[in-house]
Protein backbone atom coordinates (compact mmCIF):
# COMPACT_ATOMS: atom_id res chain seq x y z
CA MET A 1 105.38 109.70 100.02
CA ASN A 2 107.28 111.47 103.01
CA LEU A 3 107.91 108.32 105.32
CA GLN A 4 109.32 110.44 107.99
CA GLN A 5 106.00 112.25 108.41
CA ALA A 6 103.97 108.92 107.80
CA SER A 7 105.76 107.43 110.42
CA LEU A 8 105.27 110.37 112.96
CA ASP A 9 101.72 110.46 112.15
CA TYR A 10 101.32 106.86 113.01
CA GLN A 11 102.78 106.72 116.14
CA ARG A 12 100.38 109.65 117.09
CA ILE A 13 97.11 108.00 115.73
CA ALA A 14 98.01 104.37 116.44
CA ARG A 15 95.68 104.63 119.82
CA ALA A 16 93.05 105.98 117.64
CA LEU A 17 93.08 103.21 115.15
CA ALA A 18 92.87 100.82 118.10
CA TYR A 19 89.76 103.01 119.56
CA LEU A 20 88.13 103.04 115.94
CA ARG A 21 88.83 99.39 115.63
CA ALA A 22 87.18 98.50 119.13
CA HIS A 23 84.19 100.85 118.79
CA TYR A 24 83.41 100.62 115.21
CA ARG A 25 79.85 98.96 115.55
CA GLU A 26 78.91 102.26 117.39
CA GLN A 27 80.33 104.49 114.58
CA PRO A 28 81.88 106.95 116.74
CA ASP A 29 82.03 110.44 115.56
CA LEU A 30 84.96 112.59 115.06
CA ALA A 31 84.53 114.66 118.20
CA GLU A 32 84.25 111.46 120.19
CA VAL A 33 87.30 109.97 118.93
CA ALA A 34 89.53 113.14 118.69
CA GLY A 35 88.52 113.94 122.36
CA GLN A 36 90.09 110.35 123.38
CA PHE A 37 93.33 111.84 122.69
CA GLY A 38 93.22 115.55 123.71
CA LEU A 39 93.03 116.60 119.97
CA SER A 40 90.72 119.06 118.36
CA GLU A 41 88.52 117.58 115.65
CA SER A 42 90.29 119.78 113.02
CA HIS A 43 93.55 118.54 114.11
CA PHE A 44 92.81 114.85 114.36
CA GLN A 45 90.88 115.04 110.80
CA ARG A 46 94.06 116.43 109.18
CA LEU A 47 96.62 114.26 111.07
CA PHE A 48 94.29 111.21 110.05
CA THR A 49 93.67 112.25 106.22
CA ARG A 50 97.50 112.98 105.84
CA TRP A 51 98.33 109.30 106.95
CA ALA A 52 95.38 107.32 105.39
CA GLY A 53 94.59 109.40 102.43
CA ILE A 54 90.92 109.36 103.44
CA SER A 55 88.81 110.69 106.64
CA PRO A 56 88.65 108.76 110.10
CA LYS A 57 84.60 108.16 108.95
CA ARG A 58 85.53 106.58 105.57
CA PHE A 59 88.61 104.31 107.09
CA ILE A 60 86.50 103.00 109.74
CA GLN A 61 84.52 101.08 106.98
CA TYR A 62 87.60 99.16 105.98
CA LEU A 63 88.57 98.01 109.58
CA THR A 64 85.28 96.27 109.78
CA VAL A 65 84.62 92.41 110.01
CA GLU A 66 81.85 92.77 107.62
CA HIS A 67 84.11 94.43 104.92
CA ALA A 68 86.75 91.71 105.53
CA LYS A 69 84.46 88.80 105.07
CA ALA A 70 83.00 90.58 101.74
CA MET A 71 86.46 91.08 100.47
CA MET A 72 87.37 87.47 101.03
CA ALA A 73 83.84 86.14 99.53
CA GLY A 74 84.43 88.34 96.51
CA GLN A 75 88.13 87.37 95.49
CA SER A 76 88.44 86.17 91.84
CA SER A 77 90.95 83.22 91.42
CA LEU A 78 94.63 84.15 90.87
CA LEU A 79 94.43 83.11 87.12
CA GLU A 80 91.56 85.75 86.80
CA LEU A 81 93.38 88.24 88.48
CA SER A 82 96.46 87.79 86.40
CA ALA A 83 94.31 88.20 83.27
CA ASP A 84 92.78 91.18 84.44
CA ALA A 85 96.51 92.76 84.80
CA GLY A 86 97.06 91.68 81.58
CA LEU A 87 99.90 89.51 82.67
CA SER A 88 100.86 85.95 81.05
CA GLY A 89 100.20 83.68 84.50
CA PRO A 90 99.90 83.97 88.18
CA GLY A 91 103.75 83.96 88.67
CA ARG A 92 103.90 87.15 86.94
CA LEU A 93 101.76 88.75 89.65
CA HIS A 94 104.73 88.78 92.19
CA ASP A 95 107.49 89.20 89.68
CA LEU A 96 106.08 92.86 88.95
CA PHE A 97 107.08 93.70 92.41
CA VAL A 98 109.01 91.28 94.63
CA ASN A 99 111.53 88.71 93.09
CA LEU A 100 111.68 86.24 95.83
CA GLU A 101 114.89 84.06 96.22
CA GLY A 102 114.90 81.49 98.83
CA LEU A 103 117.80 79.25 100.45
CA SER A 104 117.06 75.93 102.05
CA PRO A 105 118.54 75.29 105.60
CA GLY A 106 121.26 73.37 104.13
CA GLU A 107 122.35 76.21 101.55
CA TYR A 108 121.79 78.86 104.59
CA ARG A 109 124.66 76.84 106.74
CA LYS A 110 126.87 76.86 103.90
CA GLN A 111 126.35 80.49 102.91
CA ALA A 112 125.50 82.45 105.94
CA ALA A 113 128.92 82.05 107.91
CA GLY A 114 130.90 85.63 107.28
CA MET A 115 128.03 87.20 105.31
CA ASN A 116 127.90 90.94 105.04
CA ILE A 117 124.63 92.51 106.11
CA SER A 118 123.77 95.98 105.69
CA TRP A 119 120.94 97.42 108.13
CA GLY A 120 119.29 100.49 109.27
CA GLN A 121 116.30 101.88 111.17
CA VAL A 122 113.48 103.17 108.74
CA ASP A 123 110.47 105.14 108.81
CA THR A 124 107.29 103.62 107.26
CA PRO A 125 103.89 104.28 107.31
CA PHE A 126 103.53 101.79 110.24
CA GLY A 127 105.90 103.11 112.72
CA LYS A 128 109.85 102.47 112.82
CA ALA A 129 111.25 99.40 111.44
CA THR A 130 114.65 97.62 111.33
CA LEU A 131 115.38 96.71 107.55
CA ALA A 132 118.36 94.70 106.69
CA PHE A 133 119.69 93.68 103.18
CA THR A 134 122.54 91.92 101.15
CA PRO A 135 123.51 92.44 97.77
CA ARG A 136 120.81 89.44 96.90
CA GLY A 137 118.04 91.10 98.59
CA VAL A 138 116.30 92.31 101.57
CA CYS A 139 116.56 89.66 104.40
CA HIS A 140 114.88 91.33 107.43
CA LEU A 141 112.21 93.76 107.92
CA ALA A 142 110.75 93.87 111.58
CA PHE A 143 108.64 96.73 113.07
CA SER A 144 110.44 98.24 115.98
CA ASP A 145 108.55 97.91 118.96
CA ASP A 146 111.31 95.80 120.76
CA PRO A 147 113.78 97.58 122.78
CA ASP A 148 116.44 95.95 120.95
CA PRO A 149 115.50 96.09 117.17
CA LEU A 150 118.97 94.11 116.45
CA GLN A 151 117.94 91.04 118.78
CA LYS A 152 116.18 89.01 115.84
CA LEU A 153 118.21 89.87 113.08
CA VAL A 154 121.43 88.60 115.15
CA GLY A 155 119.11 85.36 116.29
CA SER A 156 118.58 84.76 112.43
CA TRP A 157 122.09 85.47 111.16
CA PRO A 158 124.40 85.00 114.11
CA ARG A 159 127.64 84.56 111.91
CA ALA A 160 127.07 87.45 109.83
CA THR A 161 128.92 90.74 109.87
CA LEU A 162 126.48 93.72 110.44
CA THR A 163 127.16 97.04 109.21
CA GLU A 164 124.72 100.03 109.87
CA LYS A 165 123.85 101.89 106.30
CA PRO A 166 120.80 104.18 107.52
CA ASN A 167 120.81 106.07 104.58
CA GLU A 168 120.77 103.13 102.04
CA ALA A 169 118.14 101.52 104.22
CA GLN A 170 115.88 104.35 103.90
CA LYS A 171 116.12 104.83 100.44
CA LEU A 172 115.18 101.12 100.08
CA ALA A 173 112.39 101.57 102.60
CA HIS A 174 111.01 104.29 99.90
CA ARG A 175 110.99 101.47 97.29
CA ILE A 176 109.47 98.79 99.44
CA PHE A 177 106.38 101.27 100.45
CA GLU A 178 106.18 102.87 97.00
CA HIS A 179 106.68 99.66 94.79
CA ALA A 180 103.31 99.17 93.68
CA LYS A 181 103.09 102.69 92.28
CA ALA A 182 106.63 102.98 91.06
CA GLY A 183 106.68 99.43 89.53
CA HIS A 184 110.24 98.81 90.42
CA PRO A 185 110.82 95.29 91.58
CA VAL A 186 112.37 94.38 95.01
CA SER A 187 114.41 91.53 95.86
CA ALA A 188 113.82 89.60 98.75
CA TRP A 189 116.22 86.66 100.11
CA VAL A 190 114.86 84.20 102.70
CA VAL A 191 115.79 81.10 104.16
CA GLY A 192 113.12 78.43 104.91
CA THR A 193 111.53 74.97 104.16
CA ASN A 194 110.22 74.04 100.75
CA PHE A 195 106.79 74.58 102.37
CA GLN A 196 107.57 77.99 103.85
CA LEU A 197 108.78 79.16 100.65
CA GLN A 198 105.63 78.09 98.88
CA VAL A 199 103.59 79.64 101.35
CA TRP A 200 105.40 83.11 101.01
CA ARG A 201 105.32 83.01 97.43
CA ALA A 202 101.68 82.60 97.51
CA LEU A 203 101.38 85.76 99.65
CA LEU A 204 103.04 87.46 96.97
CA GLY A 205 100.17 86.72 94.73
CA ILE A 206 97.66 88.71 96.89
CA PRO A 207 97.22 92.16 95.55
CA SER A 208 97.37 95.38 97.92
CA GLY A 209 93.90 95.99 99.03
CA SER A 210 93.16 92.36 98.92
CA VAL A 211 92.82 89.64 101.55
CA ARG A 212 92.47 86.04 101.90
CA ASN A 213 92.24 83.57 104.76
CA TYR A 214 94.26 80.79 105.79
CA ARG A 215 91.96 78.32 104.20
CA GLN A 216 92.20 79.98 100.72
CA VAL A 217 95.86 79.98 100.62
CA ALA A 218 96.04 76.58 101.51
CA GLU A 219 93.64 75.77 98.53
CA GLN A 220 95.75 77.76 96.29
CA LEU A 221 98.63 75.42 97.08
CA GLY A 222 96.52 72.37 96.14
CA ARG A 223 96.63 71.49 100.14
CA PRO A 224 93.13 72.40 101.32
CA SER A 225 93.46 70.55 104.68
CA ALA A 226 96.56 72.32 105.37
CA ALA A 227 95.18 75.75 106.68
CA ARG A 228 97.10 75.47 109.85
CA ALA A 229 100.48 74.35 108.47
CA VAL A 230 100.13 77.43 106.45
CA GLY A 231 99.44 79.82 109.37
CA THR A 232 102.51 78.49 111.22
CA ALA A 233 104.23 79.32 107.60
CA ILE A 234 102.97 82.76 107.74
CA ALA A 235 103.90 83.21 111.30
CA ALA A 236 107.53 82.62 110.47
CA ASN A 237 107.95 85.27 107.90
CA PRO A 238 111.12 87.19 108.30
CA ILE A 239 110.15 90.18 105.88
CA GLY A 240 107.38 92.09 107.51
CA TYR A 241 105.08 93.87 104.79
CA LEU A 242 106.98 93.03 101.70
CA ILE A 243 105.84 89.49 102.09
CA PRO A 244 102.63 90.35 102.81
CA CYS A 245 101.64 87.89 105.61
CA HIS A 246 99.16 90.78 106.95
CA ARG A 247 96.88 90.07 104.02
CA VAL A 248 95.84 86.57 105.49
CA LEU A 249 93.07 86.92 107.86
CA ARG A 250 90.94 84.43 109.89
CA GLY A 251 88.18 82.70 108.18
CA THR A 252 85.46 84.89 110.30
CA GLY A 253 87.16 88.33 109.02
CA ASP A 254 88.68 88.89 112.01
CA ILE A 255 92.26 90.21 111.89
CA GLY A 256 93.97 87.59 114.10
CA GLU A 257 97.38 87.50 115.50
CA TYR A 258 100.34 88.99 113.90
CA HIS A 259 104.04 89.26 114.78
CA TRP A 260 104.15 92.98 114.93
CA GLY A 261 100.74 93.40 116.79
CA SER A 262 97.25 93.01 115.51
CA GLU A 263 96.37 96.51 115.65
CA ARG A 264 99.39 97.28 113.28
CA LYS A 265 98.16 94.35 110.99
CA ALA A 266 94.41 96.18 111.09
CA ALA A 267 95.97 99.43 110.16
CA MET A 268 97.74 98.02 107.25
CA VAL A 269 94.74 96.03 105.72
CA ALA A 270 92.62 99.07 106.00
CA TRP A 271 95.28 101.66 104.78
CA GLU A 272 95.95 99.37 101.66
CA ALA A 273 92.42 99.05 100.94
CA ALA A 274 92.28 102.73 101.14
CA GLN A 275 95.09 103.18 98.94
CA SER A 276 93.82 100.63 96.40
CA HIS A 277 90.30 102.26 96.07
CA ALA A 278 92.36 105.62 95.85
CA LEU A 279 94.35 104.26 92.89
CA LYS A 280 91.14 102.81 91.13
CA LYS A 281 89.31 106.01 91.51
CA GLY A 282 92.33 107.92 89.52
CA ARG A 283 92.09 105.71 86.36
């Protein structure tokens, strides 16, 4: 995947994705959507297919509330998903892709002072992002719509020494956005309460191309009445995409809120569904 091209493509079609999502019930044709943005049909078709891997017409199916509700209703249990993948148990699912190490707030206070954190602005299939990492793993991934991309990183790690390493950051971004295909684990290093860490680990068990709702995540944790608390923990996730909070929707199938924009979240869910479908067809 050429992430620089994918990032550029996303920036050019982000408004088209919002238009498709807003008008999916009317099933707009290619000419109508392309015309909204002053592009020819052929140009828009090439641009969109290069980014999504499928046509705009097919992609719109993955944006619908009906499709999201069907995915949530048809989910297997985490144990069944593990068995289907030939794994030994639910914990192995996220071990294949993301090794999550968590620090309690107390541990963070002891270890954060003087820490060296490398960072860089990187290209992703969903636009530019700020990616930060230490020898222990990724500690920050935020999509950079903010005018000051370092503001949140500095706020989270105020006593750390930050060193810009754009080339290393971009190489790591390639691993993150290709991890499902390459099968190479990526380490994540986060600070959170015990409950937040439980929720974030549960998110890692949701396969790419699948979604859950907040109640389903709460039930998976053995706390069926804690859906609201689950939502709060998800909103506090410091590592976008890698810890896949975008895979949790409202029970109605609506995309809901997202720290980096609901339109970006919708694009992630549909993009992953398209990639997953393509991989299944290729088997």
